[in-house]
Amino acid sequence: MALFMDHLISWMIAIPFLGIIILAFVREEEKIRWIAFGVTIVELLLSLILWGNFDFAQQDMQFVERVVWMSTFNIQYAVGVDGISILLVALTALLCPLCVLCSWTGIKTRVRVYLSLILLVEGAMVVVFTALDLFLFFMLWEVTMIPMYFMIILWGGPNRIAAGLKFVLYSLTGSLLLLVGILGLYLNGGHTYDLLVLTEQTYTSNQQFWLFLAFFLAFAIKMPMVPFHTWLPDAHSEAPTAGSVLLAGVLLKMGGYGFLRFCLPMFPEASADFAPSILWLSVIAIIYGGYIALAQSDLKKLVAYSSVSHMGFVTLGIFVFNSQGIQGAVLQMFNHGITTAALFISVGILYDRTHSREISDYGGLHKPMPKFVAFFFLFSIAAFGLPGTCNFIGEFLVLVGTSYVSLAMVLISIGGILLAAAYMLWMLQRVVLGEPATEVAKMLPDLSKRELATLIPLGVLVLSIGLYPGPLMETMDASVIHLIQQTIGPEVTELSQLQFGP
């Protein structure tokens, strides 16, 4: 048992790749689906074991594993988790079985390849969120792009080729900038790729400026921040349901994770210098994303532009440099993964029945699909942060942290929340209420048992986190304090933590 626990992260990395190998020898599609689902469930159970054995009071990396990989270049296989990365690992493990379930009947061609791509994303993302070696981090960062590209161009919509190429071009640009930043760190940080060693190094103002710029642009493209966001709506609108869930739920979080793992602790001076511009870009993204979402007639594009707005709250919280802001940003990344994944799955359920994402093709769904409407309503109000749902607490903490920096930014950001309420409620009015727009809409079947099994866990999390976010806050608390001390200095004492629960 001790040997298993000592290598728990390696098991989590290996399981999805072992699943891909097993799928290669199975021919029956039904068995392929069940095996892929079983592999993702095992991964979810391992993530719960990881969380259950995590020491919330410890600031340092835990479950650390190190093996010399390429000694000539001082490259290691090194992994570990802290209170921030463990949340993103858990989010990845949670969403992948739901991706398999929501693709059960919708994907009818090349099923084995499709499910293998989901497992490839899962394994690669676990490495990205746990890597303590920059070479390992970059390798798997690149790997995540490949399955998403093929999911878009092989199972996407009519404009899938253009959307896939746009996604790859933006991703490659960000990857090249990331590679430049990593090589710069290697040359200026003692010829090592060890993340923990590089974080402890001191860099000159000039080095910080250029290295921060390379890393920031790479992560800003991945988030994506305005004005690097234009690839996102196209990729979402053309991708199959599971592709959109993985893209919005997990892959976008790589950008926010990069800011927290690289930019703030390694380049504190440059982070402070660039912070005002980044904060205003974040505020612009909050308003712009909401305003553009308000004009959408396509359900998927509406959710995609809402992601631009919600990720603006993440960067806003990260770069205010206080505990409430950063805790709110991390919580918002986790919560956005849940609510946006739930909305994309809901839109996919409708699309599987009608092959239409146009809002005008629906209406009156409360009559034929009351169960679906109940979940869709819950996820929609959670998306604009109604108190009692998960997004509220993340956005609230971000606004509290921002209030120490600029009240004007708080007031403008509240306008983004009002826009979110407007486009979500108006969408609900047109899709759920009134009379069905077509004869097909009058006869749509309600949720099946499989679809209920997909949506119920997300609904439970939306409400449970919204009503009692304490466990998530306790998980990240020590790591956030450590991050702020790395960024601002060990002399920081004013870290007024908000208390949640008893």
Protein backbone atom coordinates (compact mmCIF):
# COMPACT_ATOMS: atom_id res chain seq x y z
CA MET A 1 0.00 0.00 0.00
CA ALA A 2 2.85 2.38 0.85
CA LEU A 3 4.41 1.73 -2.57
CA PHE A 4 1.07 2.53 -4.22
CA MET A 5 0.69 5.81 -2.29
CA ASP A 6 4.29 6.83 -3.01
CA HIS A 7 3.60 6.57 -6.74
CA LEU A 8 -0.05 7.65 -6.77
CA ILE A 9 0.43 10.48 -9.28
CA SER A 10 2.34 8.14 -11.62
CA TRP A 11 -0.57 5.70 -11.45
CA MET A 12 -2.94 8.55 -12.33
CA ILE A 13 -0.77 9.40 -15.32
CA ALA A 14 -0.39 5.78 -16.43
CA ILE A 15 -4.04 4.66 -16.17
CA PRO A 16 -5.39 6.69 -19.16
CA PHE A 17 -2.47 5.61 -21.37
CA LEU A 18 -2.96 1.97 -20.35
CA GLY A 19 -6.63 2.43 -21.24
CA ILE A 20 -5.66 3.57 -24.74
CA ILE A 21 -3.53 0.45 -25.19
CA ILE A 22 -6.40 -1.80 -24.05
CA LEU A 23 -8.85 -0.07 -26.44
CA ALA A 24 -6.51 -0.81 -29.34
CA PHE A 25 -7.25 -4.55 -28.96
CA VAL A 26 -11.05 -4.29 -28.58
CA ARG A 27 -13.33 -4.35 -31.61
CA GLU A 28 -16.89 -4.22 -30.27
CA GLU A 29 -18.05 -0.61 -29.91
CA GLU A 30 -20.19 -1.26 -26.84
CA LYS A 31 -17.24 -2.84 -25.03
CA ILE A 32 -15.03 0.06 -26.11
CA ARG A 33 -17.43 2.53 -24.50
CA TRP A 34 -17.63 0.58 -21.25
CA ILE A 35 -13.87 0.11 -21.01
CA ALA A 36 -13.23 3.82 -21.62
CA PHE A 37 -15.84 4.72 -19.01
CA GLY A 38 -14.32 2.24 -16.55
CA VAL A 39 -10.84 3.71 -17.05
CA THR A 40 -12.09 7.25 -16.36
CA ILE A 41 -13.95 6.06 -13.25
CA VAL A 42 -10.74 4.46 -11.94
CA GLU A 43 -8.97 7.77 -12.57
CA LEU A 44 -11.69 9.62 -10.65
CA LEU A 45 -11.35 7.22 -7.71
CA LEU A 46 -7.57 7.73 -7.68
CA SER A 47 -8.08 11.52 -7.62
CA LEU A 48 -10.37 11.11 -4.60
CA ILE A 49 -7.70 9.01 -2.87
CA LEU A 50 -5.15 11.73 -3.69
CA TRP A 51 -7.44 14.39 -2.22
CA GLY A 52 -8.28 12.29 0.82
CA ASN A 53 -4.59 11.86 1.70
CA PHE A 54 -3.63 15.48 0.98
CA ASP A 55 -2.33 17.53 3.94
CA PHE A 56 -4.24 20.83 3.74
CA ALA A 57 -1.92 22.60 6.22
CA GLN A 58 1.27 21.96 4.23
CA GLN A 59 2.54 24.63 1.82
CA ASP A 60 5.08 22.52 -0.05
CA MET A 61 4.50 20.09 -2.89
CA GLN A 62 3.16 16.70 -1.82
CA PHE A 63 3.26 13.19 -3.37
CA VAL A 64 6.51 14.24 -5.05
CA GLU A 65 8.21 11.71 -7.34
CA ARG A 66 11.58 12.28 -8.99
CA VAL A 67 13.47 10.05 -11.43
CA VAL A 68 16.44 11.12 -13.55
CA TRP A 69 15.28 11.03 -17.15
CA MET A 70 18.00 12.62 -19.34
CA SER A 71 20.97 13.31 -17.12
CA THR A 72 22.97 15.00 -19.90
CA PHE A 73 20.44 17.85 -20.03
CA ASN A 74 19.51 17.70 -16.33
CA ILE A 75 15.94 16.62 -17.19
CA GLN A 76 13.85 14.66 -14.69
CA TYR A 77 10.54 12.91 -14.51
CA ALA A 78 9.30 15.00 -11.56
CA VAL A 79 5.69 15.36 -10.44
CA GLY A 80 3.85 16.60 -7.34
CA VAL A 81 0.76 18.53 -6.26
CA ASP A 82 -0.07 21.44 -4.00
CA GLY A 83 -3.41 22.92 -2.95
CA ILE A 84 -3.88 24.67 -6.30
CA SER A 85 -2.91 21.91 -8.72
CA ILE A 86 -4.82 19.18 -6.87
CA LEU A 87 -8.10 21.00 -7.58
CA LEU A 88 -7.38 21.05 -11.31
CA VAL A 89 -6.35 17.39 -11.30
CA ALA A 90 -9.64 16.56 -9.57
CA LEU A 91 -11.57 18.66 -12.10
CA THR A 92 -9.92 16.78 -14.98
CA ALA A 93 -10.73 13.41 -13.42
CA LEU A 94 -14.34 14.48 -12.81
CA LEU A 95 -15.11 15.72 -16.32
CA CYS A 96 -13.60 12.86 -18.36
CA PRO A 97 -16.14 10.14 -17.37
CA LEU A 98 -18.91 12.65 -18.11
CA CYS A 99 -17.34 13.22 -21.54
CA VAL A 100 -17.54 9.48 -22.22
CA LEU A 101 -21.17 9.36 -21.08
CA CYS A 102 -22.28 12.36 -23.15
CA SER A 103 -20.66 10.81 -26.26
CA TRP A 104 -22.30 7.40 -25.78
CA THR A 105 -24.83 7.69 -28.60
CA GLY A 106 -23.79 10.94 -30.27
CA ILE A 107 -20.53 9.52 -31.64
CA LYS A 108 -21.25 6.76 -34.14
CA THR A 109 -18.07 6.66 -36.26
CA ARG A 110 -14.49 5.85 -35.20
CA VAL A 111 -15.67 5.36 -31.62
CA ARG A 112 -12.40 3.78 -30.46
CA VAL A 113 -10.32 6.68 -31.78
CA TYR A 114 -12.65 9.27 -30.26
CA LEU A 115 -12.60 7.74 -26.78
CA SER A 116 -8.85 7.18 -26.99
CA LEU A 117 -8.44 10.91 -27.64
CA ILE A 118 -10.44 11.68 -24.50
CA LEU A 119 -8.14 9.40 -22.49
CA LEU A 120 -5.09 11.03 -24.10
CA VAL A 121 -6.29 14.47 -23.03
CA GLU A 122 -6.90 13.18 -19.51
CA GLY A 123 -3.44 11.66 -19.12
CA ALA A 124 -1.71 14.71 -20.62
CA MET A 125 -3.63 17.16 -18.44
CA VAL A 126 -2.70 15.29 -15.25
CA VAL A 127 0.96 15.65 -16.23
CA VAL A 128 0.57 19.37 -17.05
CA PHE A 129 -0.99 20.11 -13.65
CA THR A 130 1.54 18.02 -11.69
CA ALA A 131 4.83 18.46 -13.63
CA LEU A 132 7.76 19.82 -11.60
CA ASP A 133 10.14 19.69 -14.56
CA LEU A 134 9.70 22.31 -17.29
CA PHE A 135 10.72 19.94 -20.11
CA LEU A 136 8.07 17.44 -19.00
CA PHE A 137 5.56 20.29 -18.63
CA PHE A 138 6.20 21.54 -22.17
CA MET A 139 6.04 18.09 -23.77
CA LEU A 140 2.60 17.33 -22.38
CA TRP A 141 1.43 20.92 -22.95
CA GLU A 142 2.04 20.23 -26.64
CA VAL A 143 0.36 16.80 -26.50
CA THR A 144 -2.95 18.32 -25.32
CA MET A 145 -3.24 20.23 -28.60
CA ILE A 146 -3.17 17.09 -30.79
CA PRO A 147 -6.32 15.25 -29.58
CA MET A 148 -8.33 18.47 -29.49
CA TYR A 149 -7.38 19.26 -33.08
CA PHE A 150 -8.47 15.82 -34.32
CA MET A 151 -11.70 15.93 -32.30
CA ILE A 152 -12.59 19.18 -34.05
CA ILE A 153 -11.67 18.24 -37.63
CA LEU A 154 -12.97 14.63 -37.56
CA TRP A 155 -16.19 14.97 -35.55
CA GLY A 156 -16.88 18.71 -35.76
CA GLY A 157 -19.42 20.83 -37.62
CA PRO A 158 -19.45 22.09 -41.21
CA ASN A 159 -16.65 24.63 -40.64
CA ARG A 160 -14.51 22.23 -38.65
CA ILE A 161 -11.39 22.42 -40.85
CA ALA A 162 -11.07 26.21 -40.54
CA ALA A 163 -11.81 26.08 -36.81
CA GLY A 164 -9.27 23.30 -36.27
CA LEU A 165 -6.54 25.12 -38.17
CA LYS A 166 -7.24 28.34 -36.32
CA PHE A 167 -7.01 26.48 -33.01
CA VAL A 168 -3.68 24.91 -34.00
CA LEU A 169 -2.17 28.18 -35.27
CA TYR A 170 -3.01 30.02 -32.06
CA SER A 171 -1.87 27.07 -29.93
CA LEU A 172 1.44 26.74 -31.79
CA THR A 173 2.11 30.45 -31.42
CA GLY A 174 1.55 30.18 -27.68
CA SER A 175 3.69 27.02 -27.53
CA LEU A 176 6.62 28.70 -29.29
CA LEU A 177 6.46 31.60 -26.84
CA LEU A 178 6.31 29.10 -23.96
CA LEU A 179 9.36 27.28 -25.34
CA VAL A 180 11.28 30.57 -25.60
CA GLY A 181 10.38 31.35 -21.98
CA ILE A 182 11.43 27.89 -20.76
CA LEU A 183 14.79 28.07 -22.58
CA GLY A 184 15.31 31.55 -21.14
CA LEU A 185 14.69 30.20 -17.64
CA TYR A 186 17.07 27.30 -18.29
CA LEU A 187 19.88 29.62 -19.39
CA ASN A 188 19.35 32.21 -16.66
CA GLY A 189 18.34 29.93 -13.79
CA GLY A 190 21.35 27.63 -13.42
CA HIS A 191 20.88 25.27 -16.40
CA THR A 192 18.10 23.28 -14.81
CA TYR A 193 14.48 22.57 -15.68
CA ASP A 194 13.50 21.93 -12.05
CA LEU A 195 10.47 24.11 -11.36
CA LEU A 196 11.08 24.39 -7.62
CA VAL A 197 14.73 25.38 -8.09
CA LEU A 198 13.87 27.94 -10.77
CA THR A 199 11.19 29.45 -8.54
CA GLU A 200 13.79 30.09 -5.81
CA GLN A 201 16.17 31.89 -8.20
CA THR A 202 16.41 35.68 -8.38
CA TYR A 203 16.22 37.28 -11.82
CA THR A 204 17.24 40.79 -12.86
CA SER A 205 14.61 43.35 -13.85
CA ASN A 206 15.52 42.98 -17.54
CA GLN A 207 15.37 39.17 -17.38
CA GLN A 208 12.02 39.30 -15.60
CA PHE A 209 10.58 41.67 -18.19
CA TRP A 210 11.35 39.46 -21.21
CA LEU A 211 10.71 36.13 -19.53
CA PHE A 212 7.41 37.35 -18.09
CA LEU A 213 6.36 38.63 -21.52
CA ALA A 214 7.02 35.26 -23.18
CA PHE A 215 5.19 33.26 -20.50
CA PHE A 216 2.34 35.76 -20.18
CA LEU A 217 1.58 35.78 -23.92
CA ALA A 218 1.69 31.96 -24.06
CA PHE A 219 -0.76 31.64 -21.17
CA ALA A 220 -2.93 34.56 -22.35
CA ILE A 221 -3.49 32.80 -25.69
CA LYS A 222 -4.46 29.59 -23.90
CA MET A 223 -6.90 31.28 -21.44
CA PRO A 224 -7.79 33.04 -23.81
CA MET A 225 -7.56 36.70 -22.81
CA VAL A 226 -8.86 39.53 -24.97
CA PRO A 227 -7.53 40.22 -27.64
CA PHE A 228 -6.24 36.63 -28.13
CA HIS A 229 -9.68 35.05 -27.80
CA THR A 230 -10.89 34.84 -31.40
CA TRP A 231 -10.05 31.13 -31.81
CA LEU A 232 -12.29 30.09 -28.92
CA PRO A 233 -15.85 30.66 -30.29
CA ASP A 234 -14.98 28.95 -33.58
CA ALA A 235 -13.41 25.95 -31.85
CA HIS A 236 -16.36 25.58 -29.47
CA SER A 237 -19.04 25.95 -32.13
CA GLU A 238 -17.45 23.29 -34.36
CA ALA A 239 -16.19 20.82 -31.73
CA PRO A 240 -18.30 17.82 -30.64
CA THR A 241 -19.83 18.01 -27.16
CA ALA A 242 -17.00 16.23 -25.33
CA GLY A 243 -14.46 18.41 -27.16
CA SER A 244 -16.19 21.57 -25.94
CA VAL A 245 -16.40 20.17 -22.39
CA LEU A 246 -12.68 19.38 -22.32
CA LEU A 247 -11.74 22.65 -23.97
CA ALA A 248 -13.75 24.90 -21.66
CA GLY A 249 -13.62 22.73 -18.57
CA VAL A 250 -9.94 21.83 -18.49
CA LEU A 251 -7.73 23.14 -21.30
CA LEU A 252 -8.48 26.84 -20.71
CA LYS A 253 -7.37 26.37 -17.10
CA MET A 254 -3.83 25.70 -18.32
CA GLY A 255 -3.46 29.44 -18.88
CA GLY A 256 -4.61 30.42 -15.39
CA TYR A 257 -2.49 27.65 -13.87
CA GLY A 258 0.54 28.96 -15.78
CA PHE A 259 0.07 32.48 -14.38
CA LEU A 260 -0.04 31.07 -10.83
CA ARG A 261 2.81 28.57 -11.25
CA PHE A 262 5.23 30.63 -13.35
CA CYS A 263 4.49 34.35 -13.71
CA LEU A 264 3.71 35.38 -10.14
CA PRO A 265 6.32 33.44 -8.10
CA MET A 266 9.17 33.63 -10.64
CA PHE A 267 8.75 37.19 -11.93
CA PRO A 268 7.16 39.19 -9.08
CA GLU A 269 8.62 42.53 -10.17
CA ALA A 270 7.49 42.18 -13.78
CA SER A 271 4.10 40.87 -12.61
CA ALA A 272 3.61 44.02 -10.54
CA ASP A 273 4.71 46.26 -13.44
CA PHE A 274 2.33 44.61 -15.92
CA ALA A 275 -0.53 44.14 -13.43
CA PRO A 276 -2.44 47.42 -14.10
CA SER A 277 -2.62 46.68 -17.85
CA ILE A 278 -3.61 43.05 -17.22
CA LEU A 279 -6.32 44.10 -14.76
CA TRP A 280 -7.88 46.49 -17.26
CA LEU A 281 -7.69 43.85 -20.01
CA SER A 282 -9.51 41.51 -17.63
CA VAL A 283 -12.24 44.06 -16.97
CA ILE A 284 -12.59 44.64 -20.73
CA ALA A 285 -12.91 40.86 -21.25
CA ILE A 286 -15.65 40.65 -18.62
CA ILE A 287 -17.73 43.34 -20.33
CA TYR A 288 -16.86 42.43 -23.92
CA GLY A 289 -17.56 38.71 -23.49
CA GLY A 290 -20.92 39.42 -21.89
CA TYR A 291 -21.91 41.99 -24.50
CA ILE A 292 -21.06 39.71 -27.44
CA ALA A 293 -22.81 36.74 -25.77
CA LEU A 294 -25.94 38.86 -25.56
CA ALA A 295 -26.03 39.07 -29.38
CA GLN A 296 -25.63 35.33 -30.08
CA SER A 297 -28.34 33.20 -31.67
CA ASP A 298 -26.27 29.99 -31.45
CA LEU A 299 -26.40 28.28 -28.05
CA LYS A 300 -22.80 27.05 -28.21
CA LYS A 301 -21.39 30.42 -29.22
CA LEU A 302 -23.32 32.05 -26.39
CA VAL A 303 -21.70 29.72 -23.86
CA ALA A 304 -18.31 30.19 -25.56
CA TYR A 305 -18.40 33.99 -25.28
CA SER A 306 -19.58 33.67 -21.69
CA SER A 307 -16.32 31.76 -21.06
CA VAL A 308 -14.34 34.78 -22.27
CA SER A 309 -16.18 36.88 -19.68
CA HIS A 310 -15.77 34.35 -16.87
CA MET A 311 -12.07 33.84 -17.50
CA GLY A 312 -11.71 37.62 -17.20
CA PHE A 313 -12.64 37.18 -13.53
CA VAL A 314 -9.84 34.61 -13.19
CA THR A 315 -7.09 36.94 -14.46
CA LEU A 316 -8.60 39.82 -12.47
CA GLY A 317 -8.34 37.80 -9.27
CA ILE A 318 -4.82 36.51 -9.98
CA PHE A 319 -3.23 39.91 -10.60
CA VAL A 320 -4.66 41.80 -7.61
CA PHE A 321 -2.01 39.98 -5.51
CA ASN A 322 -4.08 39.27 -2.39
CA SER A 323 -5.47 36.14 -0.83
CA GLN A 324 -9.14 36.80 -1.57
CA GLY A 325 -8.46 37.56 -5.23
CA ILE A 326 -6.27 34.52 -5.86
CA GLN A 327 -8.54 32.16 -3.90
CA GLY A 328 -11.48 33.50 -5.88
CA ALA A 329 -9.59 33.00 -9.16
CA VAL A 330 -8.70 29.38 -8.36
CA LEU A 331 -12.24 28.69 -7.19
CA GLN A 332 -13.61 30.36 -10.32
CA MET A 333 -11.44 28.12 -12.51
CA PHE A 334 -12.86 25.04 -10.79
CA ASN A 335 -16.44 26.32 -10.80
CA HIS A 336 -16.29 27.53 -14.40
CA GLY A 337 -15.17 24.04 -15.39
CA ILE A 338 -18.28 22.59 -13.77
CA THR A 339 -20.93 25.08 -14.96
CA THR A 340 -19.62 25.53 -18.49
CA ALA A 341 -19.18 21.78 -18.95
CA ALA A 342 -22.75 21.32 -17.74
CA LEU A 343 -24.05 23.92 -20.20
CA PHE A 344 -22.16 22.39 -23.13
CA ILE A 345 -23.47 18.93 -22.24
CA SER A 346 -27.00 20.36 -22.04
CA VAL A 347 -26.65 21.99 -25.46
CA GLY A 348 -25.26 18.69 -26.77
CA ILE A 349 -28.33 16.85 -25.47
CA LEU A 350 -30.56 19.19 -27.45
CA TYR A 351 -28.33 18.94 -30.52
CA ASP A 352 -28.46 15.12 -30.46
CA ARG A 353 -32.26 15.37 -30.71
CA THR A 354 -32.67 18.17 -33.25
CA HIS A 355 -29.26 18.73 -34.90
CA SER A 356 -29.75 22.43 -34.32
CA ARG A 357 -28.11 24.88 -31.95
CA GLU A 358 -30.20 27.88 -33.00
CA ILE A 359 -32.15 29.39 -30.12
CA SER A 360 -35.00 30.22 -32.49
CA ASP A 361 -35.59 26.51 -33.20
CA TYR A 362 -36.66 25.84 -29.61
CA GLY A 363 -39.17 27.27 -27.16
CA GLY A 364 -41.64 25.75 -24.74
CA LEU A 365 -39.28 22.95 -23.66
CA HIS A 366 -40.80 22.99 -20.17
CA LYS A 367 -43.66 20.90 -21.56
CA PRO A 368 -41.91 17.97 -23.32
CA MET A 369 -38.64 18.06 -21.29
CA PRO A 370 -39.33 19.12 -17.67
CA LYS A 371 -36.34 17.21 -16.21
CA PHE A 372 -33.98 18.73 -18.74
CA VAL A 373 -35.36 22.21 -18.09
CA ALA A 374 -34.77 21.86 -14.33
CA PHE A 375 -31.07 21.12 -14.86
CA PHE A 376 -30.67 23.66 -17.66
CA PHE A 377 -32.21 26.33 -15.47
CA LEU A 378 -29.87 25.47 -12.57
CA PHE A 379 -26.75 25.60 -14.73
CA SER A 380 -27.83 28.82 -16.42
CA ILE A 381 -28.43 30.73 -13.19
CA ALA A 382 -25.16 29.32 -11.81
CA ALA A 383 -23.36 30.74 -14.85
CA PHE A 384 -24.20 34.31 -13.86
CA GLY A 385 -23.39 33.71 -10.19
CA LEU A 386 -26.74 33.56 -8.42
CA PRO A 387 -26.11 33.32 -4.65
CA GLY A 388 -26.29 29.72 -3.51
CA THR A 389 -24.62 28.42 -6.69
CA CYS A 390 -20.91 27.74 -7.14
CA ASN A 391 -19.94 30.66 -9.42
CA PHE A 392 -21.19 33.22 -6.90
CA ILE A 393 -18.55 32.54 -4.29
CA GLY A 394 -15.67 32.66 -6.78
CA GLU A 395 -16.81 35.94 -8.34
CA PHE A 396 -17.55 37.40 -4.89
CA LEU A 397 -14.01 36.67 -3.66
CA VAL A 398 -12.49 38.12 -6.83
CA LEU A 399 -14.51 41.33 -6.36
CA VAL A 400 -13.51 41.52 -2.68
CA GLY A 401 -9.85 41.16 -3.66
CA THR A 402 -10.24 43.74 -6.43
CA SER A 403 -11.86 46.23 -4.04
CA TYR A 404 -8.47 46.64 -2.32
CA VAL A 405 -7.02 47.74 -5.66
CA SER A 406 -9.74 49.69 -7.51
CA LEU A 407 -13.40 50.30 -6.77
CA ALA A 408 -13.88 51.43 -10.37
CA MET A 409 -12.86 47.97 -11.59
CA VAL A 410 -15.29 46.38 -9.15
CA LEU A 411 -18.18 48.49 -10.40
CA ILE A 412 -17.38 47.79 -14.06
CA SER A 413 -17.02 44.06 -13.34
CA ILE A 414 -20.43 44.04 -11.66
CA GLY A 415 -21.74 45.29 -14.98
CA GLY A 416 -20.38 42.09 -16.52
CA ILE A 417 -22.36 40.04 -14.00
CA LEU A 418 -25.50 41.98 -14.93
CA LEU A 419 -24.83 41.27 -18.61
CA ALA A 420 -24.44 37.56 -17.77
CA ALA A 421 -27.80 37.58 -16.02
CA ALA A 422 -29.32 39.32 -19.06
CA TYR A 423 -28.06 36.91 -21.73
CA MET A 424 -28.69 33.79 -19.68
CA LEU A 425 -32.22 34.73 -18.62
CA TRP A 426 -33.11 35.91 -22.12
CA MET A 427 -31.78 32.62 -23.52
CA LEU A 428 -33.85 30.67 -20.97
CA GLN A 429 -36.94 32.66 -21.88
CA ARG A 430 -36.58 31.83 -25.58
CA VAL A 431 -35.60 28.17 -25.15
CA VAL A 432 -37.67 27.06 -22.17
CA LEU A 433 -40.79 29.23 -22.00
CA GLY A 434 -43.52 30.09 -24.49
CA GLU A 435 -44.69 27.75 -27.21
CA PRO A 436 -42.45 25.34 -29.18
CA ALA A 437 -41.16 26.98 -32.36
CA THR A 438 -41.33 23.77 -34.43
CA GLU A 439 -43.27 20.53 -34.49
CA VAL A 440 -40.06 18.67 -33.61
CA ALA A 441 -39.64 20.77 -30.46
CA LYS A 442 -43.12 19.71 -29.26
CA MET A 443 -42.21 16.01 -29.26
CA LEU A 444 -38.66 15.98 -27.87
CA PRO A 445 -38.06 13.13 -25.40
CA ASP A 446 -36.95 14.04 -21.89
CA LEU A 447 -33.64 12.98 -20.32
CA SER A 448 -32.68 9.32 -20.48
CA LYS A 449 -31.11 7.52 -17.51
CA ARG A 450 -27.66 7.95 -19.05
CA GLU A 451 -28.20 11.68 -19.51
CA LEU A 452 -29.49 12.00 -15.95
CA ALA A 453 -26.35 10.20 -14.73
CA THR A 454 -24.29 12.76 -16.65
CA LEU A 455 -26.04 15.86 -15.29
CA ILE A 456 -26.82 14.89 -11.68
CA PRO A 457 -23.17 14.98 -10.43
CA LEU A 458 -22.72 18.44 -11.95
CA GLY A 459 -25.98 19.69 -10.43
CA VAL A 460 -24.98 18.38 -7.00
CA LEU A 461 -21.60 20.12 -7.23
CA VAL A 462 -23.14 23.42 -8.37
CA LEU A 463 -25.32 23.54 -5.25
CA SER A 464 -22.96 21.96 -2.73
CA ILE A 465 -20.03 24.24 -3.57
CA GLY A 466 -22.34 27.26 -3.68
CA LEU A 467 -23.75 26.50 -0.24
CA TYR A 468 -20.59 25.17 1.42
CA PRO A 469 -17.28 25.99 -0.36
CA GLY A 470 -15.25 25.30 2.80
CA PRO A 471 -13.48 22.10 1.64
CA LEU A 472 -12.20 23.74 -1.55
CA MET A 473 -11.05 26.84 0.35
CA GLU A 474 -9.22 24.74 2.93
CA THR A 475 -7.51 22.74 0.19
CA MET A 476 -5.95 25.77 -1.49
CA ASP A 477 -5.48 28.07 1.54
CA ALA A 478 -1.90 27.20 2.54
CA SER A 479 -0.71 27.13 -1.09
CA VAL A 480 -2.26 30.53 -1.83
CA ILE A 481 -0.57 32.08 1.22
CA HIS A 482 2.75 30.58 0.11
CA LEU A 483 2.23 31.92 -3.44
CA ILE A 484 1.53 35.44 -2.17
CA GLN A 485 4.61 35.34 0.04
CA GLN A 486 6.69 34.28 -2.98
CA THR A 487 5.22 37.11 -5.06
CA ILE A 488 5.19 40.00 -2.58
CA GLY A 489 7.75 38.76 -0.05
CA PRO A 490 7.90 36.74 3.17
CA GLU A 491 7.29 39.88 5.20
CA VAL A 492 3.62 39.87 4.13
CA THR A 493 1.40 39.46 7.18
CA GLU A 494 -1.93 40.96 6.11
CA LEU A 495 -3.60 37.94 4.50
CA SER A 496 -7.09 38.38 5.93
CA GLN A 497 -8.72 35.03 5.15
CA LEU A 498 -12.48 34.80 4.88
CA GLN A 499 -14.00 31.99 6.89
CA PHE A 500 -16.43 29.52 5.30
CA GLY A 501 -18.56 27.13 7.26
CA PRO A 502 -18.12 26.21 10.93
